Amino acid sequence: MTGLTIGVVARQAGVAASALRYYEKAGLLPPPARASKRRRYDPQILGRIRIILLARDAGFTVRETRTFLSGFPLGATPAVRWQSMAKQKLVELDALMKRVAEMKSLLEASFQCECRRLEDCERWIAAKTPGRSDSNSTNLSAAKDPLQRLRAKR
C-alpha cells in the first residue's frame, strides 16, 4: 500500500508523531488508511496539518479548531469560517490584553511603600479596600495607585 508513514508526515509537517495521533484522536485529522496496522497518510494531509497549526498559532483551542474544520454548514467557505471565529477570538484577546495591562501596572507600581513589615502593608491595604465603612477609607476610583484602581473595579 502506498502513502506516507506517520514518521515522514511528522517530519515534513514539523510536529511530533504523537501530535498527529493526538490530532486524530481529537477529531482534527481523519483516521488514515492502514497497512499492517500502520498508519498510511495521503500526502494532502500536510495541508490539513498546516491549517491546524495555523489555528493553534492564532490561539484557537482544539475544540475551536474542530469547529473551524467541520462545524460549519457544508457551503461555508474557509474565509467565512475563519472570519466568524476570528471575530470572537479578537474579543477574547482584547479582554486578555486589558487584563495583562492591569497586571503589568500592578507589578510595576505596587509595594513601593516604606512599610517595614508585611503586617503594616496589610493594614494599609485593608484600610483602602472598597466597602469599608470607616472614615480612613478613600475614594478609590479617583486614586492614582494602580492597586486601588484595580480594587475599585471589583
N, C-alpha and C. Protein backbone atom coordinates (compact mmCIF):
# COMPACT_ATOMS: atom_id res chain seq x y z
N MET A 1 0.85 -1.19 0.00
CA MET A 1 0.00 0.00 0.00
C MET A 1 0.89 1.24 0.00
N THR A 2 0.47 2.25 -0.73
CA THR A 2 1.24 3.49 -0.78
C THR A 2 0.74 4.44 0.29
N GLY A 3 1.43 5.53 0.42
CA GLY A 3 1.06 6.53 1.41
C GLY A 3 2.26 6.82 2.29
N LEU A 4 2.17 7.93 2.99
CA LEU A 4 3.27 8.36 3.85
C LEU A 4 3.11 7.76 5.25
N THR A 5 4.22 7.36 5.83
CA THR A 5 4.18 6.85 7.20
C THR A 5 4.03 8.03 8.16
N ILE A 6 3.67 7.74 9.38
CA ILE A 6 3.49 8.79 10.38
C ILE A 6 4.79 9.55 10.62
N GLY A 7 5.92 8.84 10.58
CA GLY A 7 7.21 9.50 10.78
C GLY A 7 7.53 10.49 9.68
N VAL A 8 7.25 10.11 8.44
CA VAL A 8 7.51 11.00 7.31
C VAL A 8 6.60 12.23 7.40
N VAL A 9 5.33 12.01 7.68
CA VAL A 9 4.39 13.13 7.79
C VAL A 9 4.82 14.05 8.94
N ALA A 10 5.20 13.47 10.04
CA ALA A 10 5.61 14.27 11.20
C ALA A 10 6.82 15.15 10.85
N ARG A 11 7.80 14.56 10.22
CA ARG A 11 9.00 15.33 9.83
C ARG A 11 8.65 16.44 8.85
N GLN A 12 7.86 16.12 7.85
CA GLN A 12 7.52 17.12 6.84
C GLN A 12 6.65 18.24 7.42
N ALA A 13 5.81 17.90 8.38
CA ALA A 13 4.93 18.90 8.98
C ALA A 13 5.62 19.66 10.12
N GLY A 14 6.72 19.11 10.62
CA GLY A 14 7.43 19.76 11.72
C GLY A 14 6.77 19.56 13.06
N VAL A 15 6.11 18.41 13.24
CA VAL A 15 5.46 18.09 14.51
C VAL A 15 5.89 16.69 14.93
N ALA A 16 5.61 16.36 16.17
CA ALA A 16 5.91 15.02 16.66
C ALA A 16 4.84 14.04 16.17
N ALA A 17 5.22 12.81 16.03
CA ALA A 17 4.26 11.77 15.63
C ALA A 17 3.13 11.68 16.65
N SER A 18 3.46 11.90 17.92
CA SER A 18 2.43 11.85 18.96
C SER A 18 1.40 12.96 18.75
N ALA A 19 1.81 14.10 18.20
CA ALA A 19 0.87 15.18 17.91
C ALA A 19 -0.12 14.74 16.84
N LEU A 20 0.37 14.01 15.84
CA LEU A 20 -0.53 13.51 14.78
C LEU A 20 -1.54 12.53 15.35
N ARG A 21 -1.09 11.65 16.23
CA ARG A 21 -2.03 10.72 16.87
C ARG A 21 -3.05 11.47 17.72
N TYR A 22 -2.59 12.51 18.41
CA TYR A 22 -3.49 13.33 19.23
C TYR A 22 -4.51 14.05 18.34
N TYR A 23 -4.05 14.65 17.25
CA TYR A 23 -4.97 15.35 16.35
C TYR A 23 -6.02 14.39 15.79
N GLU A 24 -5.60 13.17 15.50
CA GLU A 24 -6.55 12.16 15.02
C GLU A 24 -7.57 11.83 16.10
N LYS A 25 -7.10 11.60 17.31
CA LYS A 25 -7.99 11.26 18.43
C LYS A 25 -8.95 12.41 18.74
N ALA A 26 -8.46 13.66 18.60
CA ALA A 26 -9.28 14.84 18.88
C ALA A 26 -10.26 15.18 17.75
N GLY A 27 -10.18 14.46 16.66
CA GLY A 27 -11.09 14.69 15.55
C GLY A 27 -10.65 15.78 14.59
N LEU A 28 -9.39 16.16 14.65
CA LEU A 28 -8.88 17.18 13.74
C LEU A 28 -8.36 16.58 12.44
N LEU A 29 -7.88 15.36 12.53
CA LEU A 29 -7.41 14.62 11.34
C LEU A 29 -8.30 13.41 11.14
N PRO A 30 -8.63 13.11 9.90
CA PRO A 30 -9.41 11.89 9.65
C PRO A 30 -8.54 10.67 9.91
N PRO A 31 -9.13 9.57 10.32
CA PRO A 31 -8.34 8.35 10.50
C PRO A 31 -7.69 7.95 9.17
N PRO A 32 -6.40 7.72 9.17
CA PRO A 32 -5.73 7.35 7.92
C PRO A 32 -5.96 5.88 7.58
N ALA A 33 -5.68 5.57 6.33
CA ALA A 33 -5.71 4.16 5.93
C ALA A 33 -4.60 3.44 6.70
N ARG A 34 -4.72 2.14 6.78
CA ARG A 34 -3.71 1.36 7.50
C ARG A 34 -3.24 0.21 6.63
N ALA A 35 -1.97 -0.08 6.79
CA ALA A 35 -1.37 -1.24 6.15
C ALA A 35 -0.56 -1.95 7.21
N SER A 36 -0.89 -3.19 7.48
CA SER A 36 -0.24 -3.95 8.55
C SER A 36 -0.32 -3.19 9.87
N LYS A 37 -1.48 -2.62 10.13
CA LYS A 37 -1.77 -1.87 11.36
C LYS A 37 -0.97 -0.57 11.49
N ARG A 38 -0.33 -0.16 10.43
CA ARG A 38 0.44 1.10 10.46
C ARG A 38 -0.31 2.16 9.66
N ARG A 39 -0.29 3.37 10.20
CA ARG A 39 -0.95 4.48 9.52
C ARG A 39 -0.24 4.80 8.21
N ARG A 40 -1.06 5.07 7.18
CA ARG A 40 -0.55 5.50 5.88
C ARG A 40 -1.36 6.72 5.47
N TYR A 41 -0.69 7.84 5.36
CA TYR A 41 -1.35 9.11 5.08
C TYR A 41 -1.23 9.50 3.61
N ASP A 42 -2.31 10.08 3.11
CA ASP A 42 -2.28 10.70 1.79
C ASP A 42 -1.42 11.96 1.92
N PRO A 43 -0.59 12.25 0.93
CA PRO A 43 0.26 13.45 1.02
C PRO A 43 -0.50 14.75 1.24
N GLN A 44 -1.77 14.80 0.86
CA GLN A 44 -2.56 16.02 1.04
C GLN A 44 -2.86 16.31 2.51
N ILE A 45 -2.59 15.35 3.39
CA ILE A 45 -2.84 15.57 4.81
C ILE A 45 -1.96 16.70 5.36
N LEU A 46 -0.85 16.95 4.67
CA LEU A 46 0.06 18.01 5.11
C LEU A 46 -0.62 19.38 5.09
N GLY A 47 -1.49 19.62 4.13
CA GLY A 47 -2.24 20.88 4.08
C GLY A 47 -3.16 21.02 5.28
N ARG A 48 -3.83 19.93 5.62
CA ARG A 48 -4.73 19.94 6.79
C ARG A 48 -3.94 20.20 8.06
N ILE A 49 -2.78 19.58 8.18
CA ILE A 49 -1.95 19.78 9.37
C ILE A 49 -1.50 21.24 9.45
N ARG A 50 -1.16 21.83 8.33
CA ARG A 50 -0.73 23.24 8.34
C ARG A 50 -1.87 24.16 8.77
N ILE A 51 -3.09 23.83 8.37
CA ILE A 51 -4.26 24.61 8.82
C ILE A 51 -4.43 24.46 10.33
N ILE A 52 -4.27 23.25 10.84
CA ILE A 52 -4.37 23.01 12.29
C ILE A 52 -3.32 23.83 13.03
N LEU A 53 -2.10 23.84 12.52
CA LEU A 53 -1.02 24.59 13.17
C LEU A 53 -1.26 26.10 13.08
N LEU A 54 -1.81 26.56 11.98
CA LEU A 54 -2.16 27.97 11.84
C LEU A 54 -3.21 28.35 12.89
N ALA A 55 -4.23 27.53 13.03
CA ALA A 55 -5.28 27.80 14.02
C ALA A 55 -4.69 27.79 15.43
N ARG A 56 -3.81 26.84 15.71
CA ARG A 56 -3.15 26.79 17.02
C ARG A 56 -2.35 28.05 17.28
N ASP A 57 -1.57 28.47 16.28
CA ASP A 57 -0.74 29.67 16.44
C ASP A 57 -1.59 30.93 16.59
N ALA A 58 -2.80 30.94 16.04
CA ALA A 58 -3.71 32.08 16.18
C ALA A 58 -4.42 32.07 17.53
N GLY A 59 -4.21 31.00 18.31
CA GLY A 59 -4.80 30.95 19.64
C GLY A 59 -6.08 30.15 19.75
N PHE A 60 -6.46 29.49 18.69
CA PHE A 60 -7.68 28.68 18.75
C PHE A 60 -7.42 27.40 19.54
N THR A 61 -8.40 27.00 20.32
CA THR A 61 -8.32 25.75 21.07
C THR A 61 -8.56 24.58 20.12
N VAL A 62 -8.36 23.38 20.61
CA VAL A 62 -8.65 22.19 19.81
C VAL A 62 -10.13 22.17 19.45
N ARG A 63 -10.98 22.49 20.40
CA ARG A 63 -12.43 22.50 20.13
C ARG A 63 -12.76 23.53 19.05
N GLU A 64 -12.18 24.72 19.15
CA GLU A 64 -12.44 25.75 18.15
C GLU A 64 -11.90 25.34 16.78
N THR A 65 -10.76 24.70 16.77
CA THR A 65 -10.18 24.24 15.51
C THR A 65 -11.07 23.17 14.89
N ARG A 66 -11.59 22.28 15.71
CA ARG A 66 -12.51 21.25 15.21
C ARG A 66 -13.75 21.91 14.61
N THR A 67 -14.26 22.96 15.27
CA THR A 67 -15.41 23.68 14.74
C THR A 67 -15.07 24.31 13.39
N PHE A 68 -13.88 24.91 13.30
CA PHE A 68 -13.46 25.51 12.03
C PHE A 68 -13.42 24.47 10.92
N LEU A 69 -12.89 23.30 11.24
CA LEU A 69 -12.72 22.25 10.22
C LEU A 69 -14.02 21.56 9.84
N SER A 70 -14.90 21.36 10.81
CA SER A 70 -16.08 20.54 10.49
C SER A 70 -17.38 21.00 11.15
N GLY A 71 -17.39 22.17 11.74
CA GLY A 71 -18.59 22.59 12.46
C GLY A 71 -19.41 23.66 11.77
N PHE A 72 -19.18 23.89 10.52
CA PHE A 72 -19.93 24.90 9.77
C PHE A 72 -20.79 24.21 8.72
N PRO A 73 -21.81 24.91 8.23
CA PRO A 73 -22.62 24.33 7.15
C PRO A 73 -21.74 23.99 5.95
N LEU A 74 -22.15 23.03 5.18
CA LEU A 74 -21.37 22.49 4.08
C LEU A 74 -20.86 23.56 3.12
N GLY A 75 -21.65 24.57 2.82
CA GLY A 75 -21.25 25.57 1.83
C GLY A 75 -20.39 26.70 2.37
N ALA A 76 -20.13 26.74 3.67
CA ALA A 76 -19.36 27.84 4.26
C ALA A 76 -17.91 27.77 3.78
N THR A 77 -17.45 28.85 3.20
CA THR A 77 -16.07 28.89 2.70
C THR A 77 -15.09 28.99 3.88
N PRO A 78 -13.84 28.61 3.65
CA PRO A 78 -12.85 28.75 4.71
C PRO A 78 -12.74 30.19 5.22
N ALA A 79 -12.83 31.17 4.32
CA ALA A 79 -12.72 32.57 4.73
C ALA A 79 -13.88 32.97 5.65
N VAL A 80 -15.09 32.54 5.33
CA VAL A 80 -16.25 32.85 6.17
C VAL A 80 -16.09 32.18 7.53
N ARG A 81 -15.64 30.95 7.53
CA ARG A 81 -15.41 30.23 8.79
C ARG A 81 -14.39 30.98 9.65
N TRP A 82 -13.25 31.32 9.03
CA TRP A 82 -12.16 31.98 9.76
C TRP A 82 -12.63 33.33 10.31
N GLN A 83 -13.28 34.12 9.47
CA GLN A 83 -13.72 35.44 9.91
C GLN A 83 -14.72 35.35 11.06
N SER A 84 -15.60 34.40 10.99
CA SER A 84 -16.57 34.21 12.05
C SER A 84 -15.89 33.87 13.38
N MET A 85 -14.96 32.96 13.31
CA MET A 85 -14.28 32.53 14.54
C MET A 85 -13.28 33.59 15.00
N ALA A 86 -12.63 34.27 14.08
CA ALA A 86 -11.65 35.29 14.44
C ALA A 86 -12.32 36.45 15.16
N LYS A 87 -13.53 36.77 14.77
CA LYS A 87 -14.26 37.87 15.41
C LYS A 87 -14.39 37.62 16.91
N GLN A 88 -14.80 36.43 17.28
CA GLN A 88 -14.94 36.08 18.70
C GLN A 88 -13.57 36.01 19.38
N LYS A 89 -12.59 35.46 18.71
CA LYS A 89 -11.25 35.34 19.30
C LYS A 89 -10.66 36.73 19.55
N LEU A 90 -10.93 37.68 18.67
CA LEU A 90 -10.43 39.04 18.86
C LEU A 90 -11.05 39.70 20.09
N VAL A 91 -12.33 39.43 20.35
CA VAL A 91 -12.97 39.94 21.57
C VAL A 91 -12.27 39.36 22.80
N GLU A 92 -11.98 38.06 22.76
CA GLU A 92 -11.28 37.41 23.87
C GLU A 92 -9.88 38.01 24.06
N LEU A 93 -9.18 38.26 22.95
CA LEU A 93 -7.84 38.83 23.04
C LEU A 93 -7.85 40.25 23.59
N ASP A 94 -8.85 41.04 23.20
CA ASP A 94 -8.96 42.39 23.75
C ASP A 94 -9.14 42.35 25.26
N ALA A 95 -9.98 41.45 25.76
CA ALA A 95 -10.18 41.31 27.20
C ALA A 95 -8.89 40.84 27.87
N LEU A 96 -8.20 39.92 27.24
CA LEU A 96 -6.94 39.42 27.80
C LEU A 96 -5.89 40.52 27.84
N MET A 97 -5.82 41.32 26.79
CA MET A 97 -4.83 42.41 26.76
C MET A 97 -5.13 43.44 27.84
N LYS A 98 -6.40 43.71 28.08
CA LYS A 98 -6.78 44.63 29.15
C LYS A 98 -6.34 44.07 30.49
N ARG A 99 -6.57 42.79 30.70
CA ARG A 99 -6.18 42.14 31.96
C ARG A 99 -4.66 42.16 32.11
N VAL A 100 -3.93 41.89 31.05
CA VAL A 100 -2.46 41.91 31.10
C VAL A 100 -1.96 43.31 31.44
N ALA A 101 -2.58 44.35 30.87
CA ALA A 101 -2.17 45.72 31.17
C ALA A 101 -2.40 46.03 32.64
N GLU A 102 -3.52 45.56 33.20
CA GLU A 102 -3.78 45.76 34.62
C GLU A 102 -2.75 45.03 35.47
N MET A 103 -2.42 43.82 35.10
CA MET A 103 -1.43 43.04 35.83
C MET A 103 -0.07 43.73 35.78
N LYS A 104 0.30 44.22 34.60
CA LYS A 104 1.59 44.89 34.44
C LYS A 104 1.64 46.14 35.31
N SER A 105 0.57 46.89 35.31
CA SER A 105 0.50 48.10 36.12
C SER A 105 0.66 47.78 37.60
N LEU A 106 0.00 46.74 38.04
CA LEU A 106 0.13 46.31 39.44
C LEU A 106 1.56 45.90 39.77
N LEU A 107 2.16 45.14 38.89
CA LEU A 107 3.53 44.67 39.14
C LEU A 107 4.53 45.81 39.17
N GLU A 108 4.31 46.79 38.33
CA GLU A 108 5.25 47.91 38.26
C GLU A 108 5.08 48.91 39.39
N ALA A 109 3.87 49.07 39.90
CA ALA A 109 3.60 50.16 40.84
C ALA A 109 3.37 49.72 42.29
N SER A 110 3.04 48.49 42.51
CA SER A 110 2.69 48.06 43.87
C SER A 110 3.91 47.84 44.73
N PHE A 111 3.68 47.94 46.00
CA PHE A 111 4.69 47.70 47.04
C PHE A 111 5.90 48.61 46.89
N GLN A 112 5.62 49.85 46.57
CA GLN A 112 6.67 50.86 46.59
C GLN A 112 6.50 51.69 47.87
N CYS A 113 6.01 51.03 48.88
CA CYS A 113 5.76 51.69 50.15
C CYS A 113 7.02 51.66 51.01
N GLU A 114 6.91 52.27 52.15
CA GLU A 114 8.03 52.29 53.09
C GLU A 114 7.73 51.44 54.31
N CYS A 115 6.78 50.55 54.20
CA CYS A 115 6.42 49.68 55.32
C CYS A 115 7.61 48.79 55.66
N ARG A 116 7.81 48.59 56.96
CA ARG A 116 8.91 47.74 57.41
C ARG A 116 8.46 46.29 57.56
N ARG A 117 7.16 46.10 57.75
CA ARG A 117 6.64 44.74 57.96
C ARG A 117 5.45 44.50 57.05
N LEU A 118 5.23 43.26 56.69
CA LEU A 118 4.10 42.89 55.85
C LEU A 118 2.78 43.25 56.54
N GLU A 119 2.74 43.12 57.83
CA GLU A 119 1.52 43.44 58.58
C GLU A 119 1.12 44.90 58.39
N ASP A 120 2.12 45.79 58.30
CA ASP A 120 1.82 47.21 58.07
C ASP A 120 1.17 47.41 56.70
N CYS A 121 1.69 46.71 55.70
CA CYS A 121 1.10 46.77 54.35
C CYS A 121 -0.32 46.21 54.36
N GLU A 122 -0.51 45.11 55.08
CA GLU A 122 -1.85 44.50 55.15
C GLU A 122 -2.85 45.49 55.73
N ARG A 123 -2.46 46.19 56.79
CA ARG A 123 -3.38 47.17 57.41
C ARG A 123 -3.65 48.32 56.45
N TRP A 124 -2.61 48.79 55.76
CA TRP A 124 -2.78 49.90 54.84
C TRP A 124 -3.72 49.52 53.70
N ILE A 125 -3.50 48.34 53.13
CA ILE A 125 -4.35 47.89 52.02
C ILE A 125 -5.78 47.66 52.49
N ALA A 126 -5.94 47.06 53.69
CA ALA A 126 -7.28 46.83 54.22
C ALA A 126 -8.03 48.14 54.42
N ALA A 127 -7.32 49.18 54.82
CA ALA A 127 -7.95 50.48 55.02
C ALA A 127 -8.39 51.09 53.69
N LYS A 128 -7.77 50.70 52.61
CA LYS A 128 -8.08 51.27 51.29
C LYS A 128 -9.07 50.42 50.50
N THR A 129 -9.47 49.28 51.04
CA THR A 129 -10.35 48.35 50.33
C THR A 129 -11.76 48.92 50.23
N PRO A 130 -12.36 48.87 49.03
CA PRO A 130 -13.73 49.37 48.86
C PRO A 130 -14.70 48.63 49.78
N GLY A 131 -15.73 49.34 50.20
CA GLY A 131 -16.75 48.72 51.03
C GLY A 131 -16.49 48.90 52.51
N ARG A 132 -15.34 49.44 52.88
CA ARG A 132 -15.07 49.68 54.30
C ARG A 132 -15.87 50.89 54.74
N SER A 133 -16.39 50.82 55.91
CA SER A 133 -17.24 51.91 56.37
C SER A 133 -16.50 52.90 57.26
N ASP A 134 -15.23 52.63 57.57
CA ASP A 134 -14.54 53.56 58.46
C ASP A 134 -14.14 54.84 57.74
N SER A 135 -13.80 55.85 58.47
CA SER A 135 -13.50 57.15 57.88
C SER A 135 -12.14 57.20 57.22
N ASN A 136 -11.30 56.17 57.40
CA ASN A 136 -9.97 56.16 56.80
C ASN A 136 -9.97 55.70 55.35
N SER A 137 -11.08 55.11 54.89
CA SER A 137 -11.08 54.62 53.51
C SER A 137 -11.17 55.82 52.57
N THR A 138 -10.57 55.65 51.40
CA THR A 138 -10.53 56.74 50.44
C THR A 138 -11.39 56.41 49.24
N ASN A 139 -11.65 57.41 48.43
CA ASN A 139 -12.38 57.18 47.19
C ASN A 139 -11.40 56.55 46.20
N LEU A 140 -11.55 55.24 45.98
CA LEU A 140 -10.56 54.51 45.20
C LEU A 140 -10.68 54.76 43.71
N SER A 141 -11.85 55.13 43.24
CA SER A 141 -11.97 55.36 41.80
C SER A 141 -11.18 56.59 41.37
N ALA A 142 -10.92 57.50 42.29
CA ALA A 142 -10.15 58.69 41.95
C ALA A 142 -8.67 58.52 42.26
N ALA A 143 -8.30 57.41 42.88
CA ALA A 143 -6.91 57.20 43.29
C ALA A 143 -6.03 56.95 42.08
N LYS A 144 -4.76 57.32 42.21
CA LYS A 144 -3.82 57.11 41.12
C LYS A 144 -3.05 55.82 41.28
N ASP A 145 -3.11 55.20 42.44
CA ASP A 145 -2.39 53.95 42.70
C ASP A 145 -3.07 52.83 41.91
N PRO A 146 -2.32 52.09 41.07
CA PRO A 146 -2.93 51.00 40.27
C PRO A 146 -3.61 49.95 41.13
N LEU A 147 -3.07 49.66 42.30
CA LEU A 147 -3.71 48.69 43.19
C LEU A 147 -5.09 49.17 43.58
N GLN A 148 -5.21 50.45 43.87
CA GLN A 148 -6.51 51.00 44.25
C GLN A 148 -7.46 51.00 43.06
N ARG A 149 -6.95 51.34 41.87
CA ARG A 149 -7.82 51.32 40.69
C ARG A 149 -8.36 49.93 40.42
N LEU A 150 -7.50 48.92 40.54
CA LEU A 150 -7.94 47.56 40.29
C LEU A 150 -8.97 47.12 41.31
N ARG A 151 -8.75 47.42 42.58
CA ARG A 151 -9.70 47.05 43.63
C ARG A 151 -11.02 47.77 43.44
N ALA A 152 -10.98 49.00 42.95
CA ALA A 152 -12.20 49.77 42.74
C ALA A 152 -13.06 49.14 41.66
N LYS A 153 -12.44 48.47 40.68
CA LYS A 153 -13.18 47.84 39.59
C LYS A 153 -13.90 46.59 40.04
N ARG A 154 -13.44 45.99 41.11
CA ARG A 154 -14.01 44.71 41.54
C ARG A 154 -15.16 44.87 42.46
